[in-house]
Amino acid sequence: KINIAKKLLYNMLDSLKGMENLEIGLRVYGHQKGYPPQDCDDTRLEVDFGSCNIVNDRIKAKLNLIRARGTTPIAISLEKGAYDFPKDENSRNIIILITDGIEECNMNPCSVSRLLQKEGIILKPFVIGIGIDETYKKTFDCVGTYYDASKEKDFETVLEIVISHVLNSTTAQVNLLDSFGKPTETDVNLTFYDDFTDLPKYNFIHTMNHKGNPDTMSIDPVLKYKVIAHTIPPVESEIITLTPGKHTIIPISVPQGDLEVKILGKENYAFIVRKKGSLKTLN
């Protein structure tokens, strides 16, 4: 398993050469001390972050020396790995975790991952499992986006998918549908929420372009989203998954109207709008 991972990581490193605005590093766990006894602190940043062209050969040389010897401290490796990244508010910090086993040190990788995402330190990690037992796969769903790479060919395909998500942003448009199902509604505030952390990632004012079509937005495909149109009342979309390089249309049914109130002999009358039978204030 470790040899398959090494071989395909070599290929990945070659494919990343020349990529602008991309830095990579290498953290390894379970390689410094033998088992038993179990050493749950056996995790180390082996190659610090640098541009692909600079650190590629260093990572390859380090991979040649790595031997699978110890235990599997995934949670603490995620935690320490999140703080390996150089501090740069304009960067996207993404961890790709490659593992052939589950957490063995009585920590909770899900809690660690969720906390780091909520604090904005990392985006949702990618997890590539090599030959992991079927019964264990679900334990990684809460850690990040999980891919199974039981065979060498699977691993190559998965790496291509992950790298595509990491490097490519994609486009989307939100169609605000009227009562006839036509995308004519506009001038509405939209918020894209990370479905995993429930934190807002994008805020837009929905507008139309010169052709009368909803404007196109550039969205990071690493995350899954729910979109809320802040109409009265607000309307929430289904969970949205974006495909890198593919334009996604997100329909939300939000028929809008105007309420005109006329009261004879009085102007600027204050009133509250509620749905019949409900005490909730709409406006």
Protein backbone atom coordinates (compact mmCIF):
# COMPACT_ATOMS: atom_id res chain seq x y z
CA LYS A 1 0.00 0.00 0.00
CA ILE A 2 2.74 2.45 0.91
CA ASN A 3 4.56 1.67 -2.34
CA ILE A 4 1.41 2.33 -4.39
CA ALA A 5 0.92 5.63 -2.57
CA LYS A 6 4.54 6.66 -3.14
CA LYS A 7 4.47 5.81 -6.85
CA LEU A 8 1.34 7.80 -7.53
CA LEU A 9 2.45 10.72 -5.39
CA TYR A 10 5.54 10.92 -7.59
CA ASN A 11 3.25 11.18 -10.62
CA MET A 12 1.13 13.82 -8.91
CA LEU A 13 4.19 15.91 -8.09
CA ASP A 14 5.30 15.78 -11.73
CA SER A 15 1.85 16.91 -12.91
CA LEU A 16 1.92 19.91 -10.55
CA LYS A 17 5.21 21.29 -11.87
CA GLY A 18 4.87 24.80 -13.21
CA MET A 19 1.60 25.52 -11.39
CA GLU A 20 1.49 29.16 -10.34
CA ASN A 21 0.38 30.28 -6.89
CA LEU A 22 0.58 26.75 -5.51
CA GLU A 23 2.67 25.64 -2.55
CA ILE A 24 2.84 22.11 -1.15
CA GLY A 25 4.29 20.41 1.91
CA LEU A 26 4.52 16.88 3.29
CA ARG A 27 3.52 15.64 6.75
CA VAL A 28 3.91 11.95 7.59
CA TYR A 29 2.70 9.88 10.53
CA GLY A 30 3.48 6.43 11.91
CA HIS A 31 6.98 6.35 10.44
CA GLN A 32 9.43 7.39 13.15
CA LYS A 33 8.98 4.67 15.77
CA GLY A 34 8.14 0.99 15.61
CA TYR A 35 5.00 -0.66 16.98
CA PRO A 36 4.65 -1.78 19.71
CA PRO A 37 4.74 0.31 21.84
CA GLN A 38 2.20 2.74 20.42
CA ASP A 39 3.43 6.34 19.96
CA CYS A 40 0.48 8.64 19.36
CA ASP A 41 2.77 11.65 18.84
CA ASP A 42 4.47 10.04 15.85
CA THR A 43 3.66 12.74 13.26
CA ARG A 44 6.06 15.17 11.66
CA LEU A 45 6.21 17.86 8.97
CA GLU A 46 8.93 16.31 6.81
CA VAL A 47 9.00 18.91 4.02
CA ASP A 48 7.96 22.50 4.72
CA PHE A 49 5.80 24.44 2.29
CA GLY A 50 7.31 25.80 -0.90
CA SER A 51 6.46 26.16 -4.58
CA CYS A 52 6.12 22.88 -6.49
CA ASN A 53 9.24 23.44 -8.57
CA ILE A 54 11.34 23.98 -5.45
CA VAL A 55 10.09 21.22 -3.13
CA ASN A 56 9.17 18.47 -5.62
CA ASP A 57 12.56 16.75 -5.51
CA ARG A 58 12.78 17.15 -1.73
CA ILE A 59 9.41 15.45 -1.25
CA LYS A 60 10.39 12.61 -3.60
CA ALA A 61 13.66 12.08 -1.76
CA LYS A 62 11.83 12.03 1.58
CA LEU A 63 9.22 9.57 0.30
CA ASN A 64 12.03 7.18 -0.69
CA LEU A 65 13.12 7.07 2.95
CA ILE A 66 9.69 6.64 4.51
CA ARG A 67 8.80 3.26 6.02
CA ALA A 68 5.45 2.29 7.53
CA ARG A 69 6.46 1.38 11.09
CA GLY A 70 4.07 2.71 13.72
CA THR A 71 0.49 3.55 14.58
CA THR A 72 -2.19 5.77 12.98
CA PRO A 73 -2.63 9.10 14.84
CA ILE A 74 -4.96 10.78 12.32
CA ALA A 75 -6.58 13.40 14.59
CA ILE A 76 -3.35 14.88 15.94
CA SER A 77 -1.84 14.80 12.43
CA LEU A 78 -4.79 16.81 11.11
CA GLU A 79 -4.52 19.24 14.00
CA LYS A 80 -0.79 19.82 13.60
CA GLY A 81 -1.03 19.73 9.83
CA ALA A 82 -3.52 22.59 9.82
CA TYR A 83 -0.93 24.81 11.49
CA ASP A 84 1.83 23.80 9.05
CA PHE A 85 0.44 26.22 6.47
CA PRO A 86 2.15 29.62 6.06
CA LYS A 87 -0.03 32.43 7.39
CA ASP A 88 -1.66 34.08 4.38
CA GLU A 89 -5.23 35.37 4.51
CA ASN A 90 -5.51 35.18 0.72
CA SER A 91 -4.67 31.46 0.51
CA ARG A 92 -6.86 28.35 0.55
CA ASN A 93 -5.45 25.74 2.93
CA ILE A 94 -6.31 22.20 1.84
CA ILE A 95 -5.21 18.93 3.41
CA ILE A 96 -5.13 15.69 1.40
CA LEU A 97 -5.02 12.80 3.88
CA ILE A 98 -3.85 9.44 2.51
CA THR A 99 -4.39 6.53 4.90
CA ASP A 100 -4.75 2.74 4.97
CA GLY A 101 -6.39 2.68 8.41
CA ILE A 102 -8.58 4.47 10.91
CA GLU A 103 -7.73 6.52 14.00
CA GLU A 104 -5.91 4.36 16.57
CA CYS A 105 -5.15 6.88 19.32
CA ASN A 106 -8.56 7.40 20.95
CA MET A 107 -8.99 10.89 19.50
CA ASN A 108 -11.82 12.16 17.30
CA PRO A 109 -10.70 13.20 13.79
CA CYS A 110 -14.24 14.42 13.01
CA SER A 111 -14.25 16.91 15.88
CA VAL A 112 -10.76 18.14 14.97
CA SER A 113 -11.68 18.60 11.32
CA ARG A 114 -14.95 20.40 12.09
CA LEU A 115 -13.27 22.77 14.57
CA LEU A 116 -10.45 23.66 12.15
CA GLN A 117 -12.97 24.34 9.39
CA LYS A 118 -15.19 26.47 11.61
CA GLU A 119 -12.19 28.54 12.64
CA GLY A 120 -11.39 29.06 8.97
CA ILE A 121 -7.92 27.49 9.27
CA ILE A 122 -8.51 24.87 6.56
CA LEU A 123 -11.14 24.02 3.97
CA LYS A 124 -12.83 20.62 4.03
CA PRO A 125 -10.06 17.98 3.76
CA PHE A 126 -9.87 15.24 1.14
CA VAL A 127 -9.41 11.69 2.45
CA ILE A 128 -8.01 8.96 0.20
CA GLY A 129 -8.38 5.48 1.69
CA ILE A 130 -6.10 2.68 0.45
CA GLY A 131 -7.58 -0.77 1.05
CA ILE A 132 -9.68 0.29 4.03
CA ASP A 133 -12.25 -2.19 5.31
CA GLU A 134 -15.78 -1.40 4.08
CA THR A 135 -17.07 -1.12 7.64
CA TYR A 136 -14.64 1.72 8.42
CA LYS A 137 -15.29 3.96 5.42
CA LYS A 138 -18.19 5.84 7.01
CA THR A 139 -15.94 6.97 9.85
CA PHE A 140 -14.26 9.34 7.38
CA ASP A 141 -17.41 10.99 6.03
CA CYS A 142 -17.37 13.52 8.85
CA VAL A 143 -13.64 14.20 8.43
CA GLY A 144 -13.76 15.26 4.80
CA THR A 145 -14.66 14.21 1.27
CA TYR A 146 -13.79 10.52 1.16
CA TYR A 147 -12.52 8.58 -1.87
CA ASP A 148 -11.82 4.87 -1.99
CA ALA A 149 -8.61 3.88 -3.81
CA SER A 150 -8.34 0.16 -3.19
CA LYS A 151 -6.45 -0.47 -6.43
CA GLU A 152 -3.56 1.37 -8.05
CA LYS A 153 -5.70 2.49 -10.98
CA ASP A 154 -8.36 3.79 -8.56
CA PHE A 155 -5.74 5.82 -6.73
CA GLU A 156 -4.61 7.53 -9.92
CA THR A 157 -8.18 8.46 -10.85
CA VAL A 158 -8.94 9.74 -7.35
CA LEU A 159 -5.83 11.91 -7.28
CA GLU A 160 -6.85 13.50 -10.58
CA ILE A 161 -10.29 14.28 -9.17
CA VAL A 162 -8.88 15.75 -5.95
CA ILE A 163 -6.29 17.89 -7.74
CA SER A 164 -9.00 19.15 -10.10
CA HIS A 165 -11.07 20.27 -7.10
CA VAL A 166 -8.08 21.89 -5.45
CA LEU A 167 -6.82 23.83 -8.46
CA ASN A 168 -9.98 24.76 -10.36
CA SER A 169 -12.74 27.11 -9.36
CA THR A 170 -15.99 26.79 -11.28
CA THR A 171 -18.96 28.90 -12.23
CA ALA A 172 -22.57 28.92 -11.12
CA GLN A 173 -25.69 30.96 -11.56
CA VAL A 174 -28.78 31.13 -9.38
CA ASN A 175 -32.10 31.15 -11.23
CA LEU A 176 -34.74 32.83 -9.05
CA LEU A 177 -37.98 31.42 -10.41
CA ASP A 178 -41.29 33.30 -10.58
CA SER A 179 -44.74 31.72 -10.24
CA PHE A 180 -44.49 30.49 -13.86
CA GLY A 181 -41.13 28.78 -13.24
CA LYS A 182 -39.24 31.43 -15.23
CA PRO A 183 -35.94 32.96 -13.94
CA THR A 184 -37.25 36.53 -13.87
CA GLU A 185 -36.87 37.42 -10.18
CA THR A 186 -33.78 39.43 -9.19
CA ASP A 187 -32.34 42.10 -6.84
CA VAL A 188 -32.26 39.61 -3.96
CA ASN A 189 -29.46 39.00 -1.44
CA LEU A 190 -28.01 35.46 -1.70
CA THR A 191 -25.81 33.65 0.83
CA PHE A 192 -23.85 30.44 0.09
CA TYR A 193 -23.36 28.38 3.28
CA ASP A 194 -20.80 25.62 3.72
CA ASP A 195 -23.04 22.58 4.23
CA PHE A 196 -20.47 20.96 6.57
CA THR A 197 -19.83 23.84 9.00
CA ASP A 198 -23.02 25.87 8.29
CA LEU A 199 -20.83 28.98 7.97
CA PRO A 200 -21.45 31.60 5.24
CA LYS A 201 -18.84 31.50 2.45
CA TYR A 202 -20.23 33.91 -0.16
CA ASN A 203 -22.67 36.81 -0.17
CA PHE A 204 -24.04 38.15 -3.44
CA ILE A 205 -26.71 40.54 -4.63
CA HIS A 206 -28.54 38.73 -7.42
CA THR A 207 -28.56 40.80 -10.61
CA MET A 208 -29.18 40.28 -14.31
CA ASN A 209 -26.60 40.83 -17.06
CA HIS A 210 -27.16 42.92 -20.19
CA LYS A 211 -28.82 39.94 -21.91
CA GLY A 212 -31.38 39.56 -19.12
CA ASN A 213 -29.75 36.41 -17.70
CA PRO A 214 -28.67 35.87 -14.07
CA ASP A 215 -25.04 36.86 -13.51
CA THR A 216 -22.35 34.17 -13.36
CA MET A 217 -20.45 33.68 -10.07
CA SER A 218 -17.07 32.03 -9.49
CA ILE A 219 -17.41 29.45 -6.67
CA ASP A 220 -14.89 27.17 -4.96
CA PRO A 221 -15.89 23.54 -5.82
CA VAL A 222 -14.14 22.04 -2.76
CA LEU A 223 -17.24 22.53 -0.58
CA LYS A 224 -20.88 21.54 -0.76
CA TYR A 225 -23.29 24.43 -0.32
CA LYS A 226 -26.81 25.37 0.55
CA VAL A 227 -28.00 28.68 -0.87
CA ILE A 228 -30.45 30.95 0.93
CA ALA A 229 -32.33 33.64 -0.99
CA HIS A 230 -33.17 36.37 1.52
CA THR A 231 -36.63 37.03 0.21
CA ILE A 232 -39.70 37.46 2.45
CA PRO A 233 -39.80 34.78 3.71
CA PRO A 234 -36.27 33.38 3.03
CA VAL A 235 -36.05 30.31 0.77
CA GLU A 236 -33.35 27.62 1.01
CA SER A 237 -32.04 25.52 -1.88
CA GLU A 238 -31.20 21.83 -1.86
CA ILE A 239 -27.58 20.85 -1.08
CA ILE A 240 -25.44 21.92 -4.04
CA THR A 241 -22.39 19.97 -5.26
CA LEU A 242 -20.24 21.68 -7.88
CA THR A 243 -18.16 19.91 -10.53
CA PRO A 244 -14.84 21.64 -11.31
CA GLY A 245 -14.90 23.28 -14.73
CA LYS A 246 -18.64 22.71 -15.21
CA HIS A 247 -21.18 25.53 -15.06
CA THR A 248 -23.91 24.80 -12.49
CA ILE A 249 -27.42 26.29 -12.54
CA ILE A 250 -29.08 26.50 -9.12
CA PRO A 251 -32.88 26.97 -9.32
CA ILE A 252 -34.76 28.44 -6.35
CA SER A 253 -38.51 29.04 -6.46
CA VAL A 254 -39.13 32.52 -5.04
CA PRO A 255 -42.22 34.10 -6.64
CA GLN A 256 -42.28 37.75 -5.56
CA GLY A 257 -45.11 40.26 -5.45
CA ASP A 258 -46.10 43.69 -4.20
CA LEU A 259 -48.58 44.47 -1.45
CA GLU A 260 -50.33 47.80 -1.76
CA VAL A 261 -52.29 49.00 1.25
CA LYS A 262 -54.68 51.94 0.91
CA ILE A 263 -56.40 53.45 3.91
CA LEU A 264 -58.77 56.34 3.24
CA GLY A 265 -57.76 59.63 4.81
CA LYS A 266 -54.46 58.52 6.40
CA GLU A 267 -50.88 58.25 5.11
CA ASN A 268 -47.80 56.37 6.37
CA TYR A 269 -49.83 53.88 8.35
CA ALA A 270 -47.64 51.29 10.14
CA PHE A 271 -48.70 47.65 9.82
CA ILE A 272 -47.36 44.10 10.24
CA VAL A 273 -47.56 41.36 7.58
CA ARG A 274 -48.20 37.80 8.76
CA LYS A 275 -49.25 34.63 7.01
CA LYS A 276 -52.87 33.76 7.81
CA GLY A 277 -53.05 31.52 10.85
CA SER A 278 -49.45 32.26 11.96
CA LEU A 279 -48.07 34.73 14.50
CA LYS A 280 -44.66 34.92 12.78
CA THR A 281 -43.90 38.37 11.38
CA LEU A 282 -42.95 38.36 7.70
CA ASN A 283 -42.47 42.12 7.33
